[in-house]
C-alpha atoms as a PDB file:
ATOM      1  CA  MET A   1       0.000   0.000   0.000  1.00  0.00           C
ATOM      2  CA  ALA A   2       2.744   2.438   0.952  1.00  0.00           C
ATOM      3  CA  GLU A   3       4.571   1.675  -2.291  1.00  0.00           C
ATOM      4  CA  THR A   4       1.407   2.333  -4.323  1.00  0.00           C
ATOM      5  CA  ILE A   5       0.862   5.704  -2.613  1.00  0.00           C
ATOM      6  CA  ALA A   6       4.487   6.640  -3.205  1.00  0.00           C
ATOM      7  CA  ALA A   7       4.213   5.680  -6.881  1.00  0.00           C
ATOM      8  CA  ILE A   8       1.063   7.781  -7.353  1.00  0.00           C
ATOM      9  CA  ASP A   9       2.754  10.689  -5.571  1.00  0.00           C
ATOM     10  CA  ALA A  10       5.731  10.470  -7.946  1.00  0.00           C
ATOM     11  CA  LEU A  11       3.389  10.299 -10.955  1.00  0.00           C
ATOM     12  CA  LEU A  12       1.401  13.346  -9.811  1.00  0.00           C
ATOM     13  CA  HIS A  13       4.492  15.448  -9.279  1.00  0.00           C
ATOM     14  CA  ALA A  14       6.245  14.292 -12.453  1.00  0.00           C
ATOM     15  CA  GLY A  15       4.269  16.642 -14.700  1.00  0.00           C
ATOM     16  CA  GLY A  16       4.931  19.807 -12.721  1.00  0.00           C
ATOM     17  CA  PRO A  17       2.621  21.950 -10.555  1.00  0.00           C
ATOM     18  CA  LEU A  18       0.005  22.674 -13.221  1.00  0.00           C
ATOM     19  CA  ARG A  19      -0.621  19.029 -14.014  1.00  0.00           C
ATOM     20  CA  TYR A  20      -0.545  18.149 -10.305  1.00  0.00           C
ATOM     21  CA  SER A  21      -3.195  20.777  -9.510  1.00  0.00           C
ATOM     22  CA  ALA A  22      -5.418  19.638 -12.384  1.00  0.00           C
ATOM     23  CA  LEU A  23      -5.298  15.988 -11.359  1.00  0.00           C
ATOM     24  CA  VAL A  24      -5.876  16.770  -7.678  1.00  0.00           C
ATOM     25  CA  LEU A  25      -8.836  18.957  -8.663  1.00  0.00           C
ATOM     26  CA  THR A  26     -10.275  16.196 -10.830  1.00  0.00           C
ATOM     27  CA  ALA A  27     -10.050  13.688  -7.999  1.00  0.00           C
ATOM     28  CA  ALA A  28     -11.551  16.177  -5.524  1.00  0.00           C
ATOM     29  CA  LEU A  29     -14.463  16.986  -7.837  1.00  0.00           C
ATOM     30  CA  LEU A  30     -15.194  13.286  -8.276  1.00  0.00           C
ATOM     31  CA  LEU A  31     -14.905  12.621  -4.540  1.00  0.00           C
ATOM     32  CA  ASP A  32     -17.257  15.475  -3.694  1.00  0.00           C
ATOM     33  CA  TRP A  33     -19.800  14.342  -6.290  1.00  0.00           C
ATOM     34  CA  LEU A  34     -19.712  10.733  -5.108  1.00  0.00           C
ATOM     35  CA  VAL A  35     -19.506  11.228  -1.335  1.00  0.00           C
ATOM     36  CA  GLY A  36     -20.785  14.718  -0.570  1.00  0.00           C
ATOM     37  CA  ASP A  37     -20.020  16.721   2.551  1.00  0.00           C
ATOM     38  CA  MET A  38     -19.165  13.709   4.785  1.00  0.00           C
ATOM     39  CA  ARG A  39     -21.130  14.919   7.799  1.00  0.00           C
ATOM     40  CA  TRP A  40     -20.103  11.860   9.792  1.00  0.00           C
ATOM     41  CA  PHE A  41     -16.486  13.046   9.699  1.00  0.00           C
ATOM     42  CA  TRP A  42     -17.252  16.680  10.501  1.00  0.00           C
ATOM     43  CA  ARG A  43     -19.212  15.639  13.569  1.00  0.00           C
ATOM     44  CA  LEU A  44     -15.868  14.535  14.983  1.00  0.00           C
ATOM     45  CA  VAL A  45     -13.717  17.403  13.685  1.00  0.00           C
ATOM     46  CA  PRO A  46     -14.930  20.986  13.076  1.00  0.00           C
ATOM     47  CA  HIS A  47     -15.148  21.789   9.359  1.00  0.00           C
ATOM     48  CA  PRO A  48     -12.647  24.445   8.166  1.00  0.00           C
ATOM     49  CA  VAL A  49     -15.545  26.751   7.262  1.00  0.00           C
ATOM     50  CA  VAL A  50     -16.892  26.343  10.813  1.00  0.00           C
ATOM     51  CA  TRP A  51     -13.566  27.583  12.191  1.00  0.00           C
ATOM     52  CA  ILE A  52     -13.700  30.597   9.900  1.00  0.00           C
ATOM     53  CA  GLY A  53     -17.312  31.226  10.893  1.00  0.00           C
ATOM     54  CA  ARG A  54     -16.521  31.094  14.598  1.00  0.00           C
ATOM     55  CA  LEU A  55     -13.647  33.521  14.164  1.00  0.00           C
ATOM     56  CA  THR A  56     -15.850  35.898  12.164  1.00  0.00           C
ATOM     57  CA  ALA A  57     -18.624  35.722  14.765  1.00  0.00           C
ATOM     58  CA  TYR A  58     -16.148  36.383  17.587  1.00  0.00           C
ATOM     59  CA  PHE A  59     -14.801  39.563  15.992  1.00  0.00           C
ATOM     60  CA  ASP A  60     -18.309  40.642  15.029  1.00  0.00           C
ATOM     61  CA  ARG A  61     -19.335  40.480  18.696  1.00  0.00           C
ATOM     62  CA  LYS A  62     -16.172  42.123  20.010  1.00  0.00           C
ATOM     63  CA  LEU A  63     -15.545  44.888  17.476  1.00  0.00           C
ATOM     64  CA  ASN A  64     -18.863  45.705  15.809  1.00  0.00           C
ATOM     65  CA  ARG A  65     -20.356  47.848  18.585  1.00  0.00           C
ATOM     66  CA  GLU A  66     -23.364  50.037  17.820  1.00  0.00           C
ATOM     67  CA  LYS A  67     -21.948  52.958  19.827  1.00  0.00           C
ATOM     68  CA  ARG A  68     -19.003  53.261  17.409  1.00  0.00           C
ATOM     69  CA  SER A  69     -19.141  55.411  14.288  1.00  0.00           C
ATOM     70  CA  ASP A  70     -19.640  53.903  10.845  1.00  0.00           C
ATOM     71  CA  ALA A  71     -16.100  54.890   9.854  1.00  0.00           C
ATOM     72  CA  THR A  72     -14.625  53.121  12.871  1.00  0.00           C
ATOM     73  CA  ARG A  73     -16.723  50.027  12.259  1.00  0.00           C
ATOM     74  CA  MET A  74     -15.748  50.035   8.581  1.00  0.00           C
ATOM     75  CA  ILE A  75     -12.027  50.157   9.419  1.00  0.00           C
ATOM     76  CA  ARG A  76     -12.353  47.423  12.026  1.00  0.00           C
ATOM     77  CA  GLY A  77     -14.350  45.274   9.625  1.00  0.00           C
ATOM     78  CA  ALA A  78     -11.720  45.706   6.920  1.00  0.00           C
ATOM     79  CA  LEU A  79      -8.947  44.714   9.330  1.00  0.00           C
ATOM     80  CA  VAL A  80     -10.934  41.649  10.413  1.00  0.00           C
ATOM     81  CA  ALA A  81     -11.626  40.595   6.815  1.00  0.00           C
ATOM     82  CA  LEU A  82      -8.018  41.010   5.696  1.00  0.00           C
ATOM     83  CA  GLY A  83      -6.730  39.415   8.883  1.00  0.00           C
ATOM     84  CA  ILE A  84      -8.882  36.282   8.577  1.00  0.00           C
ATOM     85  CA  VAL A  85      -7.914  35.892   4.924  1.00  0.00           C
ATOM     86  CA  ALA A  86      -4.235  36.271   5.804  1.00  0.00           C
ATOM     87  CA  VAL A  87      -4.427  33.788   8.676  1.00  0.00           C
ATOM     88  CA  THR A  88      -6.266  31.255   6.509  1.00  0.00           C
ATOM     89  CA  TRP A  89      -3.722  31.654   3.711  1.00  0.00           C
ATOM     90  CA  ALA A  90      -0.770  31.305   6.106  1.00  0.00           C
ATOM     91  CA  ALA A  91      -2.223  28.219   7.812  1.00  0.00           C
ATOM     92  CA  LEU A  92      -2.862  26.409   4.543  1.00  0.00           C
ATOM     93  CA  ASP A  93       0.468  27.489   3.049  1.00  0.00           C
ATOM     94  CA  TRP A  94       2.145  25.943   6.093  1.00  0.00           C
ATOM     95  CA  LEU A  95       0.028  22.793   5.686  1.00  0.00           C
ATOM     96  CA  VAL A  96       0.989  22.458   2.020  1.00  0.00           C
ATOM     97  CA  ARG A  97       4.665  22.670   2.955  1.00  0.00           C
ATOM     98  CA  VAL A  98       4.168  19.935   5.540  1.00  0.00           C
ATOM     99  CA  LEU A  99       2.230  17.708   3.128  1.00  0.00           C
ATOM    100  CA  ASP A 100       4.967  18.067   0.512  1.00  0.00           C
ATOM    101  CA  ARG A 101       7.294  16.146   2.828  1.00  0.00           C
ATOM    102  CA  TYR A 102       5.165  13.005   2.718  1.00  0.00           C
ATOM    103  CA  SER A 103       4.233  10.698  -0.136  1.00  0.00           C
ATOM    104  CA  PHE A 104       0.611  10.612   1.072  1.00  0.00           C
ATOM    105  CA  GLY A 105       0.282  14.405   1.073  1.00  0.00           C
ATOM    106  CA  TRP A 106      -1.818  14.361  -2.086  1.00  0.00           C
ATOM    107  CA  VAL A 107      -4.412  12.165  -0.344  1.00  0.00           C
ATOM    108  CA  VAL A 108      -4.947  14.779   2.367  1.00  0.00           C
ATOM    109  CA  GLU A 109      -5.009  17.564  -0.198  1.00  0.00           C
ATOM    110  CA  ILE A 110      -7.667  15.851  -2.330  1.00  0.00           C
ATOM    111  CA  PHE A 111      -9.775  15.336   0.780  1.00  0.00           C
ATOM    112  CA  LEU A 112      -9.460  18.975   1.860  1.00  0.00           C
ATOM    113  CA  VAL A 113     -10.284  20.330  -1.604  1.00  0.00           C
ATOM    114  CA  ALA A 114     -13.313  18.019  -1.823  1.00  0.00           C
ATOM    115  CA  THR A 115     -14.637  19.278   1.515  1.00  0.00           C
ATOM    116  CA  LEU A 116     -14.545  22.847   0.196  1.00  0.00           C
ATOM    117  CA  LEU A 117     -16.640  22.002  -2.883  1.00  0.00           C
ATOM    118  CA  SER A 118     -20.450  21.816  -2.858  1.00  0.00           C
ATOM    119  CA  GLN A 119     -21.626  19.828  -5.876  1.00  0.00           C
ATOM    120  CA  ARG A 120     -23.297  16.901  -4.121  1.00  0.00           C
ATOM    121  CA  SER A 121     -24.714  18.873  -1.174  1.00  0.00           C
ATOM    122  CA  LEU A 122     -26.133  21.589  -3.433  1.00  0.00           C
ATOM    123  CA  PHE A 123     -27.691  19.008  -5.749  1.00  0.00           C
ATOM    124  CA  GLY A 124     -29.227  17.234  -2.748  1.00  0.00           C
ATOM    125  CA  HIS A 125     -30.671  20.373  -1.167  1.00  0.00           C
ATOM    126  CA  VAL A 126     -32.294  21.574  -4.387  1.00  0.00           C
ATOM    127  CA  ARG A 127     -33.582  18.105  -5.268  1.00  0.00           C
ATOM    128  CA  ALA A 128     -35.187  18.015  -1.814  1.00  0.00           C
ATOM    129  CA  VAL A 129     -37.135  21.167  -2.742  1.00  0.00           C
ATOM    130  CA  ALA A 130     -38.551  19.561  -5.879  1.00  0.00           C
ATOM    131  CA  ARG A 131     -39.432  16.370  -4.012  1.00  0.00           C
ATOM    132  CA  ALA A 132     -41.053  18.265  -1.136  1.00  0.00           C
ATOM    133  CA  LEU A 133     -43.189  20.300  -3.545  1.00  0.00           C
ATOM    134  CA  ARG A 134     -44.372  17.124  -5.255  1.00  0.00           C
ATOM    135  CA  ARG A 135     -44.998  15.196  -2.053  1.00  0.00           C
ATOM    136  CA  ASP A 136     -46.172  17.806   0.459  1.00  0.00           C
ATOM    137  CA  GLY A 137     -47.191  20.778  -1.668  1.00  0.00           C
ATOM    138  CA  LEU A 138     -46.453  24.354  -0.661  1.00  0.00           C
ATOM    139  CA  PRO A 139     -45.738  23.759   3.068  1.00  0.00           C
ATOM    140  CA  GLY A 140     -43.176  21.085   2.212  1.00  0.00           C
ATOM    141  CA  GLY A 141     -41.556  23.256  -0.434  1.00  0.00           C
ATOM    142  CA  GLN A 142     -41.333  26.204   1.952  1.00  0.00           C
ATOM    143  CA  ALA A 143     -39.703  24.048   4.628  1.00  0.00           C
ATOM    144  CA  ALA A 144     -37.165  22.656   2.145  1.00  0.00           C
ATOM    145  CA  ILE A 145     -36.257  25.987   0.545  1.00  0.00           C
ATOM    146  CA  ALA A 146     -35.657  27.545   3.976  1.00  0.00           C
ATOM    147  CA  HIS A 147     -32.441  25.503   4.206  1.00  0.00           C
ATOM    148  CA  ILE A 148     -30.824  27.186   1.205  1.00  0.00           C
ATOM    149  CA  VAL A 149     -32.142  30.769   0.851  1.00  0.00           C
ATOM    150  CA  GLY A 150     -32.201  33.810   3.096  1.00  0.00           C
ATOM    151  CA  ARG A 151     -35.608  35.133   2.030  1.00  0.00           C
ATOM    152  CA  ASP A 152     -38.798  34.515   4.018  1.00  0.00           C
ATOM    153  CA  PRO A 153     -40.028  31.103   2.796  1.00  0.00           C
ATOM    154  CA  HIS A 154     -43.580  31.789   3.980  1.00  0.00           C
ATOM    155  CA  SER A 155     -43.829  34.705   1.545  1.00  0.00           C
ATOM    156  CA  LEU A 156     -43.397  32.322  -1.402  1.00  0.00           C
ATOM    157  CA  ASP A 157     -46.086  30.537  -3.383  1.00  0.00           C
ATOM    158  CA  LYS A 158     -45.306  27.306  -5.243  1.00  0.00           C
ATOM    159  CA  ALA A 159     -43.868  29.128  -8.239  1.00  0.00           C
ATOM    160  CA  GLY A 160     -41.814  31.325  -5.911  1.00  0.00           C
ATOM    161  CA  VAL A 161     -40.350  28.289  -4.184  1.00  0.00           C
ATOM    162  CA  GLY A 162     -39.501  26.829  -7.599  1.00  0.00           C
ATOM    163  CA  ARG A 163     -37.819  30.036  -8.751  1.00  0.00           C
ATOM    164  CA  ALA A 164     -35.858  30.254  -5.498  1.00  0.00           C
ATOM    165  CA  GLY A 165     -34.604  26.694  -5.980  1.00  0.00           C
ATOM    166  CA  VAL A 166     -33.414  27.359  -9.538  1.00  0.00           C
ATOM    167  CA  GLU A 167     -31.808  30.676  -8.530  1.00  0.00           C
ATOM    168  CA  SER A 168     -29.978  29.058  -5.630  1.00  0.00           C
ATOM    169  CA  LEU A 169     -28.763  26.218  -7.826  1.00  0.00           C
ATOM    170  CA  ALA A 170     -27.391  28.621 -10.434  1.00  0.00           C
ATOM    171  CA  GLU A 171     -25.799  31.103  -8.028  1.00  0.00           C
ATOM    172  CA  ASN A 172     -24.230  28.418  -5.867  1.00  0.00           C
ATOM    173  CA  PHE A 173     -22.845  26.615  -8.896  1.00  0.00           C
ATOM    174  CA  SER A 174     -20.661  29.697  -9.161  1.00  0.00           C
ATOM    175  CA  ASP A 175     -19.979  30.244  -5.439  1.00  0.00           C
ATOM    176  CA  GLY A 176     -19.756  26.622  -4.352  1.00  0.00           C
ATOM    177  CA  VAL A 177     -18.227  24.868  -7.362  1.00  0.00           C
ATOM    178  CA  VAL A 178     -16.644  27.088 -10.007  1.00  0.00           C
ATOM    179  CA  ALA A 179     -15.120  29.692  -7.682  1.00  0.00           C
ATOM    180  CA  PRO A 180     -13.380  27.115  -5.422  1.00  0.00           C
ATOM    181  CA  TRP A 181     -12.244  25.293  -8.582  1.00  0.00           C
ATOM    182  CA  PHE A 182     -10.903  28.529 -10.057  1.00  0.00           C
ATOM    183  CA  TRP A 183      -9.015  29.704  -6.982  1.00  0.00           C
ATOM    184  CA  TYR A 184      -7.460  26.309  -6.341  1.00  0.00           C
ATOM    185  CA  ALA A 185      -6.369  26.079  -9.987  1.00  0.00           C
ATOM    186  CA  LEU A 186      -4.863  29.567  -9.769  1.00  0.00           C
ATOM    187  CA  LEU A 187      -3.338  29.659  -6.277  1.00  0.00           C
ATOM    188  CA  GLY A 188      -3.497  26.151  -4.859  1.00  0.00           C
ATOM    189  CA  LEU A 189      -4.870  25.187  -1.449  1.00  0.00           C
ATOM    190  CA  PRO A 190      -4.036  28.561   0.189  1.00  0.00           C
ATOM    191  CA  GLY A 191      -5.952  30.367  -2.569  1.00  0.00           C
ATOM    192  CA  LEU A 192      -8.938  28.071  -2.166  1.00  0.00           C
ATOM    193  CA  GLY A 193      -8.893  28.575   1.608  1.00  0.00           C
ATOM    194  CA  ALA A 194      -8.675  32.348   1.226  1.00  0.00           C
ATOM    195  CA  TYR A 195     -11.672  32.298  -1.113  1.00  0.00           C
ATOM    196  CA  LYS A 196     -13.740  30.218   1.324  1.00  0.00           C
ATOM    197  CA  ALA A 197     -12.815  32.632   4.115  1.00  0.00           C
ATOM    198  CA  ILE A 198     -14.036  35.574   2.018  1.00  0.00           C
ATOM    199  CA  ASN A 199     -17.214  33.773   0.989  1.00  0.00           C
ATOM    200  CA  THR A 200     -17.992  32.696   4.561  1.00  0.00           C
ATOM    201  CA  MET A 201     -17.481  36.207   5.927  1.00  0.00           C
ATOM    202  CA  ASP A 202     -19.699  37.648   3.212  1.00  0.00           C
ATOM    203  CA  SER A 203     -22.485  35.195   4.077  1.00  0.00           C
ATOM    204  CA  MET A 204     -22.269  36.210   7.753  1.00  0.00           C
ATOM    205  CA  ILE A 205     -21.560  39.946   7.790  1.00  0.00           C
ATOM    206  CA  GLY A 206     -21.719  41.111   4.166  1.00  0.00           C
ATOM    207  CA  TYR A 207     -25.267  42.454   4.412  1.00  0.00           C
ATOM    208  CA  ARG A 208     -26.530  46.003   3.991  1.00  0.00           C
ATOM    209  CA  SER A 209     -28.334  45.814   7.293  1.00  0.00           C
ATOM    210  CA  GLU A 210     -28.023  48.475   9.977  1.00  0.00           C
ATOM    211  CA  ARG A 211     -25.640  46.291  11.948  1.00  0.00           C
ATOM    212  CA  HIS A 212     -23.389  45.131   9.111  1.00  0.00           C
ATOM    213  CA  ALA A 213     -23.518  47.803   6.393  1.00  0.00           C
ATOM    214  CA  ALA A 214     -20.268  49.372   7.648  1.00  0.00           C
ATOM    215  CA  PHE A 215     -18.553  46.492   9.447  1.00  0.00           C
ATOM    216  CA  GLY A 216     -19.198  43.995   6.651  1.00  0.00           C
ATOM    217  CA  MET A 217     -18.464  46.307   3.725  1.00  0.00           C
ATOM    218  CA  ALA A 218     -14.906  45.041   3.182  1.00  0.00           C
ATOM    219  CA  ALA A 219     -16.043  41.397   3.298  1.00  0.00           C
ATOM    220  CA  ALA A 220     -18.790  42.107   0.757  1.00  0.00           C
ATOM    221  CA  ARG A 221     -16.444  43.946  -1.612  1.00  0.00           C
ATOM    222  CA  LEU A 222     -13.820  41.204  -1.351  1.00  0.00           C
ATOM    223  CA  ASP A 223     -16.495  38.645  -2.208  1.00  0.00           C
ATOM    224  CA  ASP A 224     -17.549  40.674  -5.252  1.00  0.00           C
ATOM    225  CA  ILE A 225     -13.939  40.764  -6.458  1.00  0.00           C
ATOM    226  CA  ALA A 226     -13.250  37.090  -5.724  1.00  0.00           C
ATOM    227  CA  ASN A 227     -16.362  35.966  -7.623  1.00  0.00           C
ATOM    228  CA  TRP A 228     -16.073  38.312 -10.610  1.00  0.00           C
ATOM    229  CA  ILE A 229     -14.301  35.885 -12.955  1.00  0.00           C
ATOM    230  CA  PRO A 230     -15.881  32.660 -11.586  1.00  0.00           C
ATOM    231  CA  ALA A 231     -19.420  34.037 -12.000  1.00  0.00           C
ATOM    232  CA  ARG A 232     -18.883  34.772 -15.677  1.00  0.00           C
ATOM    233  CA  LEU A 233     -17.035  31.513 -16.204  1.00  0.00           C
ATOM    234  CA  SER A 234     -19.847  29.555 -14.557  1.00  0.00           C
ATOM    235  CA  ALA A 235     -22.372  31.154 -16.923  1.00  0.00           C
ATOM    236  CA  VAL A 236     -20.307  30.039 -19.923  1.00  0.00           C
ATOM    237  CA  VAL A 237     -20.034  26.503 -18.506  1.00  0.00           C
ATOM    238  CA  ILE A 238     -23.817  26.374 -18.033  1.00  0.00           C
ATOM    239  CA  ALA A 239     -24.346  27.514 -21.621  1.00  0.00           C
ATOM    240  CA  PHE A 240     -21.993  24.844 -22.976  1.00  0.00           C
ATOM    241  CA  ALA A 241     -23.558  22.208 -20.717  1.00  0.00           C
ATOM    242  CA  ALA A 242     -26.935  23.055 -22.295  1.00  0.00           C
ATOM    243  CA  LEU A 243     -25.583  21.497 -25.494  1.00  0.00           C
ATOM    244  CA  LEU A 244     -25.548  18.157 -23.650  1.00  0.00           C
ATOM    245  CA  VAL A 245     -29.079  18.380 -22.233  1.00  0.00           C
ATOM    246  CA  PRO A 246     -32.071  17.780 -24.545  1.00  0.00           C
ATOM    247  CA  THR A 247     -34.383  19.929 -22.382  1.00  0.00           C
ATOM    248  CA  ALA A 248     -32.025  22.939 -22.412  1.00  0.00           C
ATOM    249  CA  ALA A 249     -30.789  25.329 -25.099  1.00  0.00           C
ATOM    250  CA  ALA A 250     -27.334  26.884 -25.363  1.00  0.00           C
ATOM    251  CA  LEU A 251     -28.028  29.889 -27.581  1.00  0.00           C
ATOM    252  CA  PRO A 252     -30.860  31.308 -25.427  1.00  0.00           C
ATOM    253  CA  ALA A 253     -28.580  30.825 -22.423  1.00  0.00           C
ATOM    254  CA  LEU A 254     -25.911  33.011 -24.018  1.00  0.00           C
ATOM    255  CA  LYS A 255     -28.426  35.615 -25.203  1.00  0.00           C
ATOM    256  CA  THR A 256     -30.135  35.872 -21.812  1.00  0.00           C
ATOM    257  CA  MET A 257     -26.786  36.007 -20.039  1.00  0.00           C
ATOM    258  CA  LEU A 258     -25.620  38.966 -22.126  1.00  0.00           C
ATOM    259  CA  ARG A 259     -28.971  40.749 -21.946  1.00  0.00           C
ATOM    260  CA  ASP A 260     -30.047  40.246 -18.318  1.00  0.00           C
ATOM    261  CA  ALA A 261     -26.976  39.553 -16.158  1.00  0.00           C
ATOM    262  CA  GLY A 262     -26.352  43.238 -15.582  1.00  0.00           C
ATOM    263  CA  LYS A 263     -29.910  43.786 -14.311  1.00  0.00           C
ATOM    264  CA  HIS A 264     -29.191  41.855 -11.112  1.00  0.00           C
ATOM    265  CA  ALA A 265     -28.434  43.811  -7.938  1.00  0.00           C
ATOM    266  CA  SER A 266     -25.315  41.687  -7.493  1.00  0.00           C
ATOM    267  CA  PRO A 267     -22.428  42.254  -9.918  1.00  0.00           C
ATOM    268  CA  ASN A 268     -21.955  38.478 -10.133  1.00  0.00           C
ATOM    269  CA  ALA A 269     -25.085  36.460  -9.296  1.00  0.00           C
ATOM    270  CA  GLY A 270     -26.911  37.566 -12.425  1.00  0.00           C
ATOM    271  CA  TRP A 271     -24.516  35.749 -14.742  1.00  0.00           C
ATOM    272  CA  PRO A 272     -25.147  32.103 -13.794  1.00  0.00           C
ATOM    273  CA  GLU A 273     -28.807  32.854 -13.012  1.00  0.00           C
ATOM    274  CA  ALA A 274     -29.383  34.418 -16.425  1.00  0.00           C
ATOM    275  CA  ALA A 275     -27.571  31.583 -18.182  1.00  0.00           C
ATOM    276  CA  MET A 276     -29.690  28.952 -16.447  1.00  0.00           C
ATOM    277  CA  ALA A 277     -32.934  30.871 -16.937  1.00  0.00           C
ATOM    278  CA  GLY A 278     -32.232  31.286 -20.650  1.00  0.00           C
ATOM    279  CA  ALA A 279     -31.162  27.682 -21.095  1.00  0.00           C
ATOM    280  CA  LEU A 280     -34.380  26.406 -19.510  1.00  0.00           C
ATOM    281  CA  GLY A 281     -36.795  29.020 -20.874  1.00  0.00           C
ATOM    282  CA  LEU A 282     -37.638  30.395 -17.415  1.00  0.00           C
ATOM    283  CA  ALA A 283     -37.980  33.766 -15.724  1.00  0.00           C
ATOM    284  CA  ILE A 284     -36.497  33.947 -12.232  1.00  0.00           C
ATOM    285  CA  GLY A 285     -35.910  36.741  -9.748  1.00  0.00           C
ATOM    286  CA  GLY A 286     -38.707  39.234  -9.262  1.00  0.00           C
ATOM    287  CA  PRO A 287     -39.949  40.756  -5.975  1.00  0.00           C
ATOM    288  CA  ARG A 288     -39.024  38.871  -2.819  1.00  0.00           C
ATOM    289  CA  THR A 289     -39.362  39.207   0.954  1.00  0.00           C
ATOM    290  CA  TYR A 290     -36.472  38.931   3.409  1.00  0.00           C
ATOM    291  CA  PRO A 291     -36.633  39.177   7.229  1.00  0.00           C
ATOM    292  CA  GLY A 292     -35.701  42.868   6.813  1.00  0.00           C
ATOM    293  CA  GLY A 293     -38.542  43.619   4.391  1.00  0.00           C
ATOM    294  CA  ARG A 294     -39.667  43.338   0.779  1.00  0.00           C
ATOM    295  CA  VAL A 295     -37.136  43.863  -2.008  1.00  0.00           C
ATOM    296  CA  GLU A 296     -38.246  44.820  -5.518  1.00  0.00           C
ATOM    297  CA  THR A 297     -35.880  43.009  -7.874  1.00  0.00           C
ATOM    298  CA  VAL A 298     -36.022  42.627 -11.639  1.00  0.00           C
ATOM    299  CA  TRP A 299     -36.929  39.522 -13.584  1.00  0.00           C
ATOM    300  CA  ILE A 300     -34.083  37.542 -15.138  1.00  0.00           C
ATOM    301  CA  GLY A 301     -35.007  35.684 -18.320  1.00  0.00           C
ATOM    302  CA  GLY A 302     -38.040  36.054 -20.529  1.00  0.00           C
ATOM    303  CA  GLY A 303     -39.582  32.596 -20.133  1.00  0.00           C
ATOM    304  CA  LYS A 304     -42.302  31.279 -17.859  1.00  0.00           C
ATOM    305  CA  ARG A 305     -42.473  32.467 -14.263  1.00  0.00           C
ATOM    306  CA  ASP A 306     -44.542  29.574 -12.961  1.00  0.00           C
ATOM    307  CA  VAL A 307     -41.575  27.323 -12.110  1.00  0.00           C
ATOM    308  CA  ALA A 308     -42.790  23.811 -11.280  1.00  0.00           C
ATOM    309  CA  PRO A 309     -41.006  20.812  -9.730  1.00  0.00           C
ATOM    310  CA  ALA A 310     -40.359  19.478 -13.239  1.00  0.00           C
ATOM    311  CA  ASP A 311     -38.466  22.685 -14.045  1.00  0.00           C
ATOM    312  CA  ILE A 312     -36.328  22.308 -10.914  1.00  0.00           C
ATOM    313  CA  GLU A 313     -35.536  18.771 -12.051  1.00  0.00           C
ATOM    314  CA  ARG A 314     -34.526  20.066 -15.498  1.00  0.00           C
ATOM    315  CA  ALA A 315     -32.270  22.575 -13.754  1.00  0.00           C
ATOM    316  CA  LEU A 316     -30.699  19.764 -11.730  1.00  0.00           C
ATOM    317  CA  ILE A 317     -29.928  17.824 -14.919  1.00  0.00           C
ATOM    318  CA  LEU A 318     -28.306  20.944 -16.392  1.00  0.00           C
ATOM    319  CA  PHE A 319     -26.335  21.458 -13.173  1.00  0.00           C
ATOM    320  CA  ALA A 320     -25.106  17.853 -13.273  1.00  0.00           C
ATOM    321  CA  ALA A 321     -24.066  18.288 -16.903  1.00  0.00           C
ATOM    322  CA  ALA A 322     -22.183  21.484 -16.033  1.00  0.00           C
ATOM    323  CA  CYS A 323     -20.363  19.697 -13.198  1.00  0.00           C
ATOM    324  CA  ALA A 324     -19.517  16.796 -15.527  1.00  0.00           C
ATOM    325  CA  LEU A 325     -18.176  19.248 -18.103  1.00  0.00           C
ATOM    326  CA  LEU A 326     -15.982  20.837 -15.437  1.00  0.00           C
ATOM    327  CA  ILE A 327     -14.652  17.451 -14.330  1.00  0.00           C
ATOM    328  CA  VAL A 328     -13.895  16.273 -17.866  1.00  0.00           C
ATOM    329  CA  GLY A 329     -12.247  19.570 -18.775  1.00  0.00           C
ATOM    330  CA  THR A 330     -10.086  19.490 -15.655  1.00  0.00           C
ATOM    331  CA  LEU A 331      -9.050  15.901 -16.303  1.00  0.00           C
ATOM    332  CA  ALA A 332      -8.184  16.719 -19.913  1.00  0.00           C
ATOM    333  CA  ALA A 333      -6.051  19.614 -18.727  1.00  0.00           C
ATOM    334  CA  GLY A 334      -4.287  17.314 -16.254  1.00  0.00           C
ATOM    335  CA  LEU A 335      -3.561  14.716 -18.909  1.00  0.00           C
ATOM    336  CA  TYR A 336      -2.538  17.016 -21.730  1.00  0.00           C
ATOM    337  CA  LEU A 337      -0.994  20.052 -20.075  1.00  0.00           C
ATOM    338  CA  PRO A 338       2.711  20.199 -20.885  1.00  0.00           C
ATOM    339  CA  ALA A 339       5.042  19.490 -17.994  1.00  0.00           C
ATOM    340  CA  VAL A 340       6.193  22.819 -16.562  1.00  0.00           C
END
């Protein structure tokens, strides 16, 4: 066994860092798709994102005091955001150096990269929405969608639950799959960890609420920057994946992406959402209600607004095709990239 691991390690490193990263990414993508988030393991050991979340929550409690001015809170929030990113980068850079000393280091690295991807868990959560709508109607759909969106689930009708499921699937394909893939490919495990730190902070404090508008501004802006390329790349992957799915269309995906992506309040979320809406002939977005109140948002896509469970299932097939395309492309890069 030890000899086999050593031989694989030598093979992975023989092609240089680019080929190594591509092959590790391929294995991690496959592991995540086959196994998922491995909750049994993370019940024993805190997940890396949990550590980042606890650190963010600690500084939010200690430094984000209402009696302080917005400028002071903004500066403190920026220092916290940059500090957590730096600490995460340094910790994983140190870990990579340690793993490089051992022939089984690639095993640990594949495992860590897989835990920071979200293909299987995202697919499962959105599929649960479609199944709940079919089985239990609106109450079941509302209960299922509450696990994956921040808006008030009780404000949604059946079509609203369906739209929310498709939107979440598209947006999180970018945030949970393509962006981690991109940052690992570009900067290795430290880059992937830094991205997850930014994304986690944004999900916790990157809101324009009274409490976090100033303190979380730096985290929100960092997240916008970190997702700028992955969001657009994910839209292109969705459009190409539509070529593989009989119930989707690639050209409308591209047209809707170019026409409607900029209408979204987010500089990034509109790209994968528009691509998926166009590919499936749907209209998503529209007015929605969050705990802080109603938000009037535009419609993305010019298709039907009454999104049914069957449409969520079509979106899941398109998502699976996009993930498969990413895996095959990464493997091809690992096999055919020149040794550098």
